[in-house]
């Protein structure tokens, strides 16, 4: 049982992005302080997604993950649509 928080600042071209967070168990993702994915409960590995519009420039992404037992796995992908 543990939790972790990652923070990263990225620079993107403006446009629409698909955000996909994978987790076994809970995951939350914020972009520029706005919660875009909130799956904060136990599960086997699965994905949660959101579509966001971003202006060109620098954006801060925070991902929180918790593991309640068993395998621990987390992933994050942002792709332009």
PDB file of N, CA and C in Angstrom:
ATOM      1  N   UNK A   1       0.847  -1.186   0.000  1.00  0.00           N
ATOM      2  CA  UNK A   1       0.000   0.000   0.000  1.00  0.00           C
ATOM      3  C   UNK A   1       0.889   1.245   0.000  1.00  0.00           C
ATOM      4  N   UNK A   2       0.719   2.076  -1.013  1.00  0.00           N
ATOM      5  CA  UNK A   2       1.480   3.310  -1.101  1.00  0.00           C
ATOM      6  C   UNK A   2       0.774   4.263  -2.065  1.00  0.00           C
ATOM      7  N   UNK A   3       1.232   5.502  -2.061  1.00  0.00           N
ATOM      8  CA  UNK A   3       0.739   6.475  -3.036  1.00  0.00           C
ATOM      9  C   UNK A   3       1.922   7.303  -3.501  1.00  0.00           C
ATOM     10  N   UNK A   4       1.734   7.954  -4.655  1.00  0.00           N
ATOM     11  CA  UNK A   4       2.793   8.763  -5.248  1.00  0.00           C
ATOM     12  C   UNK A   4       2.158   9.893  -6.038  1.00  0.00           C
ATOM     13  N   UNK A   5       2.901  10.993  -6.153  1.00  0.00           N
ATOM     14  CA  UNK A   5       2.454  12.127  -6.972  1.00  0.00           C
ATOM     15  C   UNK A   5       3.608  12.534  -7.894  1.00  0.00           C
ATOM     16  N   UNK A   6       3.301  12.618  -9.180  1.00  0.00           N
ATOM     17  CA  UNK A   6       4.266  13.104 -10.167  1.00  0.00           C
ATOM     18  C   UNK A   6       3.814  14.480 -10.633  1.00  0.00           C
ATOM     19  N   UNK A   7       4.762  15.375 -10.835  1.00  0.00           N
ATOM     20  CA  UNK A   7       4.477  16.698 -11.380  1.00  0.00           C
ATOM     21  C   UNK A   7       5.456  16.964 -12.512  1.00  0.00           C
ATOM     22  N   UNK A   8       4.929  17.460 -13.627  1.00  0.00           N
ATOM     23  CA  UNK A   8       5.792  17.764 -14.764  1.00  0.00           C
ATOM     24  C   UNK A   8       5.218  18.957 -15.524  1.00  0.00           C
ATOM     25  N   UNK A   9       6.092  19.765 -16.032  1.00  0.00           N
ATOM     26  CA  UNK A   9       5.693  20.893 -16.876  1.00  0.00           C
ATOM     27  C   UNK A   9       6.126  20.585 -18.301  1.00  0.00           C
ATOM     28  N   UNK A  10       5.166  20.691 -19.228  1.00  0.00           N
ATOM     29  CA  UNK A  10       5.408  20.413 -20.643  1.00  0.00           C
ATOM     30  C   UNK A  10       5.000  21.618 -21.466  1.00  0.00           C
ATOM     31  N   UNK A  11       5.581  21.744 -22.653  1.00  0.00           N
ATOM     32  CA  UNK A  11       5.167  22.765 -23.609  1.00  0.00           C
ATOM     33  C   UNK A  11       4.515  22.063 -24.790  1.00  0.00           C
ATOM     34  N   UNK A  12       3.283  22.482 -25.114  1.00  0.00           N
ATOM     35  CA  UNK A  12       2.527  21.865 -26.201  1.00  0.00           C
ATOM     36  C   UNK A  12       2.089  22.885 -27.227  1.00  0.00           C
ATOM     37  N   UNK A  13       1.854  22.400 -28.418  1.00  0.00           N
ATOM     38  CA  UNK A  13       1.160  23.195 -29.427  1.00  0.00           C
ATOM     39  C   UNK A  13      -0.305  23.261 -29.003  1.00  0.00           C
ATOM     40  N   UNK A  14      -0.986  24.311 -29.376  1.00  0.00           N
ATOM     41  CA  UNK A  14      -2.401  24.413 -29.050  1.00  0.00           C
ATOM     42  C   UNK A  14      -3.202  23.344 -29.777  1.00  0.00           C
ATOM     43  N   UNK A  15      -4.296  22.918 -29.162  1.00  0.00           N
ATOM     44  CA  UNK A  15      -5.162  21.931 -29.797  1.00  0.00           C
ATOM     45  C   UNK A  15      -5.904  21.090 -28.780  1.00  0.00           C
ATOM     46  N   UNK A  16      -6.531  20.052 -29.272  1.00  0.00           N
ATOM     47  CA  UNK A  16      -7.289  19.118 -28.440  1.00  0.00           C
ATOM     48  C   UNK A  16      -6.429  17.894 -28.176  1.00  0.00           C
ATOM     49  N   UNK A  17      -6.388  17.474 -26.923  1.00  0.00           N
ATOM     50  CA  UNK A  17      -5.546  16.349 -26.511  1.00  0.00           C
ATOM     51  C   UNK A  17      -6.379  15.295 -25.812  1.00  0.00           C
ATOM     52  N   UNK A  18      -6.037  14.033 -26.062  1.00  0.00           N
ATOM     53  CA  UNK A  18      -6.627  12.904 -25.363  1.00  0.00           C
ATOM     54  C   UNK A  18      -5.671  12.532 -24.230  1.00  0.00           C
ATOM     55  N   UNK A  19      -6.194  12.507 -23.018  1.00  0.00           N
ATOM     56  CA  UNK A  19      -5.417  12.162 -21.831  1.00  0.00           C
ATOM     57  C   UNK A  19      -5.866  10.778 -21.390  1.00  0.00           C
ATOM     58  N   UNK A  20      -4.934   9.827 -21.293  1.00  0.00           N
ATOM     59  CA  UNK A  20      -5.269   8.463 -20.880  1.00  0.00           C
ATOM     60  C   UNK A  20      -4.366   8.092 -19.709  1.00  0.00           C
ATOM     61  N   UNK A  21      -4.989   7.817 -18.562  1.00  0.00           N
ATOM     62  CA  UNK A  21      -4.258   7.405 -17.370  1.00  0.00           C
ATOM     63  C   UNK A  21      -4.599   5.952 -17.078  1.00  0.00           C
ATOM     64  N   UNK A  22      -3.581   5.129 -16.974  1.00  0.00           N
ATOM     65  CA  UNK A  22      -3.774   3.730 -16.620  1.00  0.00           C
ATOM     66  C   UNK A  22      -3.380   3.525 -15.168  1.00  0.00           C
ATOM     67  N   UNK A  23      -4.100   2.635 -14.491  1.00  0.00           N
ATOM     68  CA  UNK A  23      -3.762   2.407 -13.085  1.00  0.00           C
ATOM     69  C   UNK A  23      -4.312   1.086 -12.571  1.00  0.00           C
ATOM     70  N   UNK A  24      -3.634   0.599 -11.565  1.00  0.00           N
ATOM     71  CA  UNK A  24      -4.082  -0.517 -10.727  1.00  0.00           C
ATOM     72  C   UNK A  24      -3.703  -0.091  -9.311  1.00  0.00           C
ATOM     73  N   UNK A  25      -4.376   0.719  -8.775  1.00  0.00           N
ATOM     74  CA  UNK A  25      -5.729   1.024  -8.357  1.00  0.00           C
ATOM     75  C   UNK A  25      -6.121   2.463  -8.771  1.00  0.00           C
ATOM     76  N   UNK A  26      -6.103   3.433  -7.855  1.00  0.00           N
ATOM     77  CA  UNK A  26      -6.662   4.752  -8.126  1.00  0.00           C
ATOM     78  C   UNK A  26      -5.712   5.702  -8.829  1.00  0.00           C
ATOM     79  N   UNK A  27      -6.319   6.632  -9.598  1.00  0.00           N
ATOM     80  CA  UNK A  27      -5.530   7.636 -10.312  1.00  0.00           C
ATOM     81  C   UNK A  27      -6.324   8.939 -10.429  1.00  0.00           C
ATOM     82  N   UNK A  28      -5.588  10.051 -10.316  1.00  0.00           N
ATOM     83  CA  UNK A  28      -6.150  11.381 -10.565  1.00  0.00           C
ATOM     84  C   UNK A  28      -5.150  12.158 -11.408  1.00  0.00           C
ATOM     85  N   UNK A  29      -5.669  12.971 -12.330  1.00  0.00           N
ATOM     86  CA  UNK A  29      -4.801  13.796 -13.184  1.00  0.00           C
ATOM     87  C   UNK A  29      -5.364  15.209 -13.224  1.00  0.00           C
ATOM     88  N   UNK A  30      -4.470  16.178 -12.985  1.00  0.00           N
ATOM     89  CA  UNK A  30      -4.800  17.593 -13.099  1.00  0.00           C
ATOM     90  C   UNK A  30      -3.953  18.197 -14.207  1.00  0.00           C
ATOM     91  N   UNK A  31      -4.530  19.120 -14.956  1.00  0.00           N
ATOM     92  CA  UNK A  31      -3.772  19.924 -15.910  1.00  0.00           C
ATOM     93  C   UNK A  31      -4.038  21.380 -15.557  1.00  0.00           C
ATOM     94  N   UNK A  32      -2.977  22.079 -15.230  1.00  0.00           N
ATOM     95  CA  UNK A  32      -3.071  23.484 -14.820  1.00  0.00           C
ATOM     96  C   UNK A  32      -4.077  23.685 -13.691  1.00  0.00           C
ATOM     97  N   UNK A  33      -4.081  22.767 -12.731  1.00  0.00           N
ATOM     98  CA  UNK A  33      -4.945  22.884 -11.565  1.00  0.00           C
ATOM     99  C   UNK A  33      -6.373  22.421 -11.761  1.00  0.00           C
ATOM    100  N   UNK A  34      -6.713  21.949 -12.942  1.00  0.00           N
ATOM    101  CA  UNK A  34      -8.071  21.467 -13.239  1.00  0.00           C
ATOM    102  C   UNK A  34      -8.057  19.943 -13.240  1.00  0.00           C
ATOM    103  N   UNK A  35      -8.906  19.336 -12.399  1.00  0.00           N
ATOM    104  CA  UNK A  35      -9.005  17.876 -12.336  1.00  0.00           C
ATOM    105  C   UNK A  35      -9.672  17.365 -13.609  1.00  0.00           C
ATOM    106  N   UNK A  36      -8.941  16.548 -14.393  1.00  0.00           N
ATOM    107  CA  UNK A  36      -9.492  16.043 -15.651  1.00  0.00           C
ATOM    108  C   UNK A  36      -9.793  14.549 -15.595  1.00  0.00           C
ATOM    109  N   UNK A  37      -9.129  13.805 -14.709  1.00  0.00           N
ATOM    110  CA  UNK A  37      -9.417  12.382 -14.506  1.00  0.00           C
ATOM    111  C   UNK A  37      -9.473  12.133 -13.006  1.00  0.00           C
ATOM    112  N   UNK A  38     -10.538  11.468 -12.558  1.00  0.00           N
ATOM    113  CA  UNK A  38     -10.708  11.160 -11.130  1.00  0.00           C
ATOM    114  C   UNK A  38     -11.259   9.747 -10.989  1.00  0.00           C
ATOM    115  N   UNK A  39     -10.364   8.775 -10.877  1.00  0.00           N
ATOM    116  CA  UNK A  39     -10.757   7.384 -10.640  1.00  0.00           C
ATOM    117  C   UNK A  39     -10.017   6.945  -9.377  1.00  0.00           C
ATOM    118  N   UNK A  40     -10.574   7.286  -8.211  1.00  0.00           N
ATOM    119  CA  UNK A  40      -9.897   7.089  -6.932  1.00  0.00           C
ATOM    120  C   UNK A  40     -10.551   5.936  -6.169  1.00  0.00           C
ATOM    121  N   UNK A  41     -10.380   4.731  -6.729  1.00  0.00           N
ATOM    122  CA  UNK A  41     -10.915   3.531  -6.085  1.00  0.00           C
ATOM    123  C   UNK A  41     -10.120   2.322  -6.566  1.00  0.00           C
ATOM    124  N   UNK A  42     -10.290   1.218  -5.865  1.00  0.00           N
ATOM    125  CA  UNK A  42      -9.566  -0.003  -6.206  1.00  0.00           C
ATOM    126  C   UNK A  42     -10.070  -0.583  -7.527  1.00  0.00           C
ATOM    127  N   UNK A  43      -9.137  -1.167  -8.270  1.00  0.00           N
ATOM    128  CA  UNK A  43      -9.473  -1.910  -9.487  1.00  0.00           C
ATOM    129  C   UNK A  43      -8.221  -2.641  -9.949  1.00  0.00           C
ATOM    130  N   UNK A  44      -8.424  -3.657 -10.787  1.00  0.00           N
ATOM    131  CA  UNK A  44      -7.323  -4.221 -11.537  1.00  0.00           C
ATOM    132  C   UNK A  44      -6.936  -3.196 -12.579  1.00  0.00           C
ATOM    133  N   UNK A  45      -5.825  -3.411 -13.291  1.00  0.00           N
ATOM    134  CA  UNK A  45      -5.375  -2.386 -14.229  1.00  0.00           C
ATOM    135  C   UNK A  45      -6.453  -2.059 -15.252  1.00  0.00           C
ATOM    136  N   UNK A  46      -6.675  -0.771 -15.435  1.00  0.00           N
ATOM    137  CA  UNK A  46      -7.618  -0.265 -16.422  1.00  0.00           C
ATOM    138  C   UNK A  46      -7.242   1.155 -16.774  1.00  0.00           C
ATOM    139  N   UNK A  47      -7.928   1.735 -17.732  1.00  0.00           N
ATOM    140  CA  UNK A  47      -7.627   3.104 -18.134  1.00  0.00           C
ATOM    141  C   UNK A  47      -8.832   4.010 -17.940  1.00  0.00           C
ATOM    142  N   UNK A  48      -8.536   5.272 -17.701  1.00  0.00           N
ATOM    143  CA  UNK A  48      -9.526   6.338 -17.620  1.00  0.00           C
ATOM    144  C   UNK A  48      -9.054   7.415 -18.574  1.00  0.00           C
ATOM    145  N   UNK A  49      -9.986   8.093 -19.253  1.00  0.00           N
ATOM    146  CA  UNK A  49      -9.560   9.073 -20.243  1.00  0.00           C
ATOM    147  C   UNK A  49     -10.406  10.336 -20.191  1.00  0.00           C
ATOM    148  N   UNK A  50      -9.845  11.383 -20.780  1.00  0.00           N
ATOM    149  CA  UNK A  50     -10.532  12.662 -20.897  1.00  0.00           C
ATOM    150  C   UNK A  50      -9.985  13.353 -22.141  1.00  0.00           C
ATOM    151  N   UNK A  51     -10.779  14.244 -22.709  1.00  0.00           N
ATOM    152  CA  UNK A  51     -10.351  15.059 -23.827  1.00  0.00           C
ATOM    153  C   UNK A  51     -10.312  16.503 -23.345  1.00  0.00           C
ATOM    154  N   UNK A  52      -9.178  17.176 -23.594  1.00  0.00           N
ATOM    155  CA  UNK A  52      -9.014  18.546 -23.121  1.00  0.00           C
ATOM    156  C   UNK A  52      -8.500  19.433 -24.248  1.00  0.00           C
ATOM    157  N   UNK A  53      -8.928  20.689 -24.227  1.00  0.00           N
ATOM    158  CA  UNK A  53      -8.417  21.696 -25.172  1.00  0.00           C
ATOM    159  C   UNK A  53      -7.340  22.486 -24.444  1.00  0.00           C
ATOM    160  N   UNK A  54      -6.165  22.598 -25.066  1.00  0.00           N
ATOM    161  CA  UNK A  54      -5.058  23.325 -24.468  1.00  0.00           C
ATOM    162  C   UNK A  54      -4.594  24.426 -25.412  1.00  0.00           C
ATOM    163  N   UNK A  55      -4.345  25.587 -24.847  1.00  0.00           N
ATOM    164  CA  UNK A  55      -3.737  26.673 -25.610  1.00  0.00           C
ATOM    165  C   UNK A  55      -2.265  26.346 -25.807  1.00  0.00           C
ATOM    166  N   UNK A  56      -1.659  26.905 -26.832  1.00  0.00           N
ATOM    167  CA  UNK A  56      -0.230  26.706 -27.043  1.00  0.00           C
ATOM    168  C   UNK A  56       0.522  27.272 -25.846  1.00  0.00           C
ATOM    169  N   UNK A  57       1.565  26.559 -25.423  1.00  0.00           N
ATOM    170  CA  UNK A  57       2.378  27.055 -24.320  1.00  0.00           C
ATOM    171  C   UNK A  57       2.691  25.987 -23.308  1.00  0.00           C
ATOM    172  N   UNK A  58       3.091  26.431 -22.128  1.00  0.00           N
ATOM    173  CA  UNK A  58       3.532  25.545 -21.060  1.00  0.00           C
ATOM    174  C   UNK A  58       2.374  25.213 -20.135  1.00  0.00           C
ATOM    175  N   UNK A  59       2.253  23.932 -19.783  1.00  0.00           N
ATOM    176  CA  UNK A  59       1.183  23.456 -18.914  1.00  0.00           C
ATOM    177  C   UNK A  59       1.764  22.508 -17.868  1.00  0.00           C
ATOM    178  N   UNK A  60       1.199  22.553 -16.665  1.00  0.00           N
ATOM    179  CA  UNK A  60       1.639  21.686 -15.578  1.00  0.00           C
ATOM    180  C   UNK A  60       0.670  20.525 -15.421  1.00  0.00           C
ATOM    181  N   UNK A  61       1.217  19.315 -15.413  1.00  0.00           N
ATOM    182  CA  UNK A  61       0.425  18.089 -15.257  1.00  0.00           C
ATOM    183  C   UNK A  61       0.815  17.442 -13.931  1.00  0.00           C
ATOM    184  N   UNK A  62      -0.192  17.110 -13.139  1.00  0.00           N
ATOM    185  CA  UNK A  62       0.021  16.376 -11.888  1.00  0.00           C
ATOM    186  C   UNK A  62      -0.760  15.074 -11.987  1.00  0.00           C
ATOM    187  N   UNK A  63      -0.097  13.973 -11.660  1.00  0.00           N
ATOM    188  CA  UNK A  63      -0.750  12.663 -11.619  1.00  0.00           C
ATOM    189  C   UNK A  63      -0.530  12.068 -10.239  1.00  0.00           C
ATOM    190  N   UNK A  64      -1.622  11.665  -9.591  1.00  0.00           N
ATOM    191  CA  UNK A  64      -1.554  10.956  -8.315  1.00  0.00           C
ATOM    192  C   UNK A  64      -2.009   9.524  -8.540  1.00  0.00           C
ATOM    193  N   UNK A  65      -1.375   8.609  -7.844  1.00  0.00           N
ATOM    194  CA  UNK A  65      -1.668   7.184  -7.990  1.00  0.00           C
ATOM    195  C   UNK A  65      -1.578   6.541  -6.611  1.00  0.00           C
ATOM    196  N   UNK A  66      -2.507   5.627  -6.322  1.00  0.00           N
ATOM    197  CA  UNK A  66      -2.352   4.836  -5.106  1.00  0.00           C
ATOM    198  C   UNK A  66      -2.482   3.362  -5.434  1.00  0.00           C
ATOM    199  N   UNK A  67      -1.771   2.546  -4.682  1.00  0.00           N
ATOM    200  CA  UNK A  67      -1.806   1.087  -4.810  1.00  0.00           C
ATOM    201  C   UNK A  67      -2.265   0.511  -3.475  1.00  0.00           C
ATOM    202  N   UNK A  68      -3.306  -0.318  -3.528  1.00  0.00           N
ATOM    203  CA  UNK A  68      -3.875  -0.885  -2.312  1.00  0.00           C
ATOM    204  C   UNK A  68      -3.481  -2.337  -2.095  1.00  0.00           C
ATOM    205  N   UNK A  69      -2.737  -2.936  -2.988  1.00  0.00           N
ATOM    206  CA  UNK A  69      -2.308  -4.328  -2.821  1.00  0.00           C
ATOM    207  C   UNK A  69      -2.224  -5.022  -4.158  1.00  0.00           C
ATOM    208  N   UNK A  70      -1.404  -6.039  -4.210  1.00  0.00           N
ATOM    209  CA  UNK A  70      -1.220  -6.768  -5.461  1.00  0.00           C
ATOM    210  C   UNK A  70      -0.242  -6.043  -6.355  1.00  0.00           C
ATOM    211  N   UNK A  71      -0.477  -6.136  -7.658  1.00  0.00           N
ATOM    212  CA  UNK A  71       0.416  -5.496  -8.625  1.00  0.00           C
ATOM    213  C   UNK A  71       0.281  -3.982  -8.567  1.00  0.00           C
ATOM    214  N   UNK A  72       1.344  -3.276  -8.872  1.00  0.00           N
ATOM    215  CA  UNK A  72       1.342  -1.818  -8.940  1.00  0.00           C
ATOM    216  C   UNK A  72       1.719  -1.414 -10.360  1.00  0.00           C
ATOM    217  N   UNK A  73       0.841  -0.660 -11.000  1.00  0.00           N
ATOM    218  CA  UNK A  73       1.116  -0.227 -12.367  1.00  0.00           C
ATOM    219  C   UNK A  73       0.400   1.097 -12.621  1.00  0.00           C
ATOM    220  N   UNK A  74       1.118   2.036 -13.221  1.00  0.00           N
ATOM    221  CA  UNK A  74       0.531   3.322 -13.566  1.00  0.00           C
ATOM    222  C   UNK A  74       1.141   3.799 -14.884  1.00  0.00           C
ATOM    223  N   UNK A  75       0.328   4.498 -15.677  1.00  0.00           N
ATOM    224  CA  UNK A  75       0.821   5.039 -16.947  1.00  0.00           C
ATOM    225  C   UNK A  75       0.038   6.299 -17.270  1.00  0.00           C
ATOM    226  N   UNK A  76       0.655   7.157 -18.094  1.00  0.00           N
ATOM    227  CA  UNK A  76      -0.012   8.380 -18.520  1.00  0.00           C
ATOM    228  C   UNK A  76       0.411   8.684 -19.957  1.00  0.00           C
ATOM    229  N   UNK A  77      -0.568   8.980 -20.811  1.00  0.00           N
ATOM    230  CA  UNK A  77      -0.285   9.344 -22.197  1.00  0.00           C
ATOM    231  C   UNK A  77      -1.151  10.543 -22.570  1.00  0.00           C
ATOM    232  N   UNK A  78      -0.540  11.514 -23.237  1.00  0.00           N
ATOM    233  CA  UNK A  78      -1.256  12.655 -23.779  1.00  0.00           C
ATOM    234  C   UNK A  78      -0.955  12.715 -25.262  1.00  0.00           C
ATOM    235  N   UNK A  79      -1.972  12.634 -26.090  1.00  0.00           N
ATOM    236  CA  UNK A  79      -1.780  12.646 -27.532  1.00  0.00           C
ATOM    237  C   UNK A  79      -2.703  13.680 -28.159  1.00  0.00           C
ATOM    238  N   UNK A  80      -2.194  14.349 -29.158  1.00  0.00           N
ATOM    239  CA  UNK A  80      -2.998  15.355 -29.857  1.00  0.00           C
ATOM    240  C   UNK A  80      -3.995  14.665 -30.762  1.00  0.00           C
ATOM    241  N   UNK A  81      -5.224  15.144 -30.711  1.00  0.00           N
ATOM    242  CA  UNK A  81      -6.313  14.537 -31.492  1.00  0.00           C
ATOM    243  C   UNK A  81      -6.366  15.176 -32.862  1.00  0.00           C
TER     244      UNK A  81
END
